Amino acid sequence: MSIIWTILIGFIAGVIAKLVMPGRSEPSGFILTTVLGIVGAFLATWLGQALGWYGPEQGAGLIGAVVGAIIVLVIWGAFQSRSRA
């Protein structure tokens, strides 16, 4: 159940992250926004577990997932600006 919960939280986090950081170089569309949020949620969960903030069976919450999705957006934007140069 924890993976399904992470995917659900990731979807919501992706939508919130796109609202916080809109831009032309970020991915657009429903599918890419969902994937962005899910990757952000998994990133936040992995990072939180590695730093000892979460237990082994504990996942990132909504705020952590939004922060993870924003980190993924920043990385995406850095790669997009390099490919256009």
Protein backbone atom coordinates (compact mmCIF):
# COMPACT_ATOMS: atom_id res chain seq x y z
CA MET A 1 0.00 0.00 0.00
CA SER A 2 2.90 2.40 0.57
CA ILE A 3 3.82 2.54 -3.14
CA ILE A 4 0.23 3.37 -4.08
CA TRP A 5 0.19 6.07 -1.39
CA THR A 6 3.49 7.49 -2.70
CA ILE A 7 2.08 7.59 -6.24
CA LEU A 8 -1.09 9.36 -5.07
CA ILE A 9 0.85 11.90 -3.01
CA GLY A 10 3.28 12.28 -5.92
CA PHE A 11 0.50 13.16 -8.31
CA ILE A 12 -0.80 15.88 -5.99
CA ALA A 13 2.77 17.10 -5.38
CA GLY A 14 3.43 17.34 -9.13
CA VAL A 15 0.40 19.53 -9.64
CA ILE A 16 1.37 21.78 -6.72
CA ALA A 17 5.00 22.00 -7.89
CA LYS A 18 3.86 23.07 -11.38
CA LEU A 19 1.72 25.79 -9.80
CA VAL A 20 4.64 26.98 -7.64
CA MET A 21 7.22 26.94 -10.45
CA PRO A 22 5.55 27.54 -13.81
CA GLY A 23 7.78 27.93 -16.83
CA ARG A 24 8.29 27.06 -20.46
CA SER A 25 11.22 24.68 -19.95
CA GLU A 26 9.34 22.45 -17.51
CA PRO A 27 7.40 19.41 -18.68
CA SER A 28 3.81 20.07 -19.58
CA GLY A 29 0.75 17.92 -19.75
CA PHE A 30 -1.06 15.65 -17.37
CA ILE A 31 1.19 12.59 -17.81
CA LEU A 32 4.49 14.44 -17.39
CA THR A 33 3.20 16.39 -14.40
CA THR A 34 2.13 13.13 -12.79
CA VAL A 35 5.50 11.50 -13.50
CA LEU A 36 7.29 14.58 -12.17
CA GLY A 37 5.38 14.39 -8.90
CA ILE A 38 5.85 10.65 -8.52
CA VAL A 39 9.61 10.95 -9.12
CA GLY A 40 9.69 13.83 -6.64
CA ALA A 41 7.84 11.79 -4.03
CA PHE A 42 10.19 8.83 -4.46
CA LEU A 43 13.19 11.20 -4.33
CA ALA A 44 11.91 12.78 -1.11
CA THR A 45 11.21 9.36 0.41
CA TRP A 46 14.64 8.02 -0.53
CA LEU A 47 16.44 11.16 0.66
CA GLY A 48 14.45 11.29 3.90
CA GLN A 49 15.20 7.63 4.66
CA ALA A 50 18.89 8.11 3.83
CA LEU A 51 19.13 11.10 6.18
CA GLY A 52 17.19 9.32 8.93
CA TRP A 53 14.15 11.60 8.79
CA TYR A 54 11.83 8.70 7.89
CA GLY A 55 11.80 5.10 9.02
CA PRO A 56 12.29 2.15 6.65
CA GLU A 57 8.57 1.74 5.98
CA GLN A 58 7.73 5.44 6.13
CA GLY A 59 7.27 7.64 3.08
CA ALA A 60 7.47 11.34 2.46
CA GLY A 61 4.41 13.40 3.19
CA LEU A 62 2.85 15.96 0.91
CA ILE A 63 5.28 18.75 1.79
CA GLY A 64 8.31 16.52 1.31
CA ALA A 65 6.95 15.28 -2.01
CA VAL A 66 6.35 18.85 -3.20
CA VAL A 67 9.93 19.77 -2.27
CA GLY A 68 11.16 16.66 -4.12
CA ALA A 69 9.09 17.57 -7.18
CA ILE A 70 10.49 21.12 -7.13
CA ILE A 71 14.02 19.67 -6.99
CA VAL A 72 13.19 17.50 -10.01
CA LEU A 73 11.80 20.59 -11.80
CA VAL A 74 15.01 22.53 -11.14
CA ILE A 75 17.12 19.64 -12.46
CA TRP A 76 14.83 19.33 -15.52
CA GLY A 77 15.17 23.06 -16.21
CA ALA A 78 18.98 22.87 -15.94
CA PHE A 79 19.13 20.06 -18.50
CA GLN A 80 16.67 21.80 -20.82
CA SER A 81 18.65 25.04 -20.81
CA ARG A 82 21.87 23.13 -21.60
CA SER A 83 20.29 21.27 -24.52
CA ARG A 84 19.04 24.53 -26.07
CA ALA A 85 22.45 26.23 -25.89
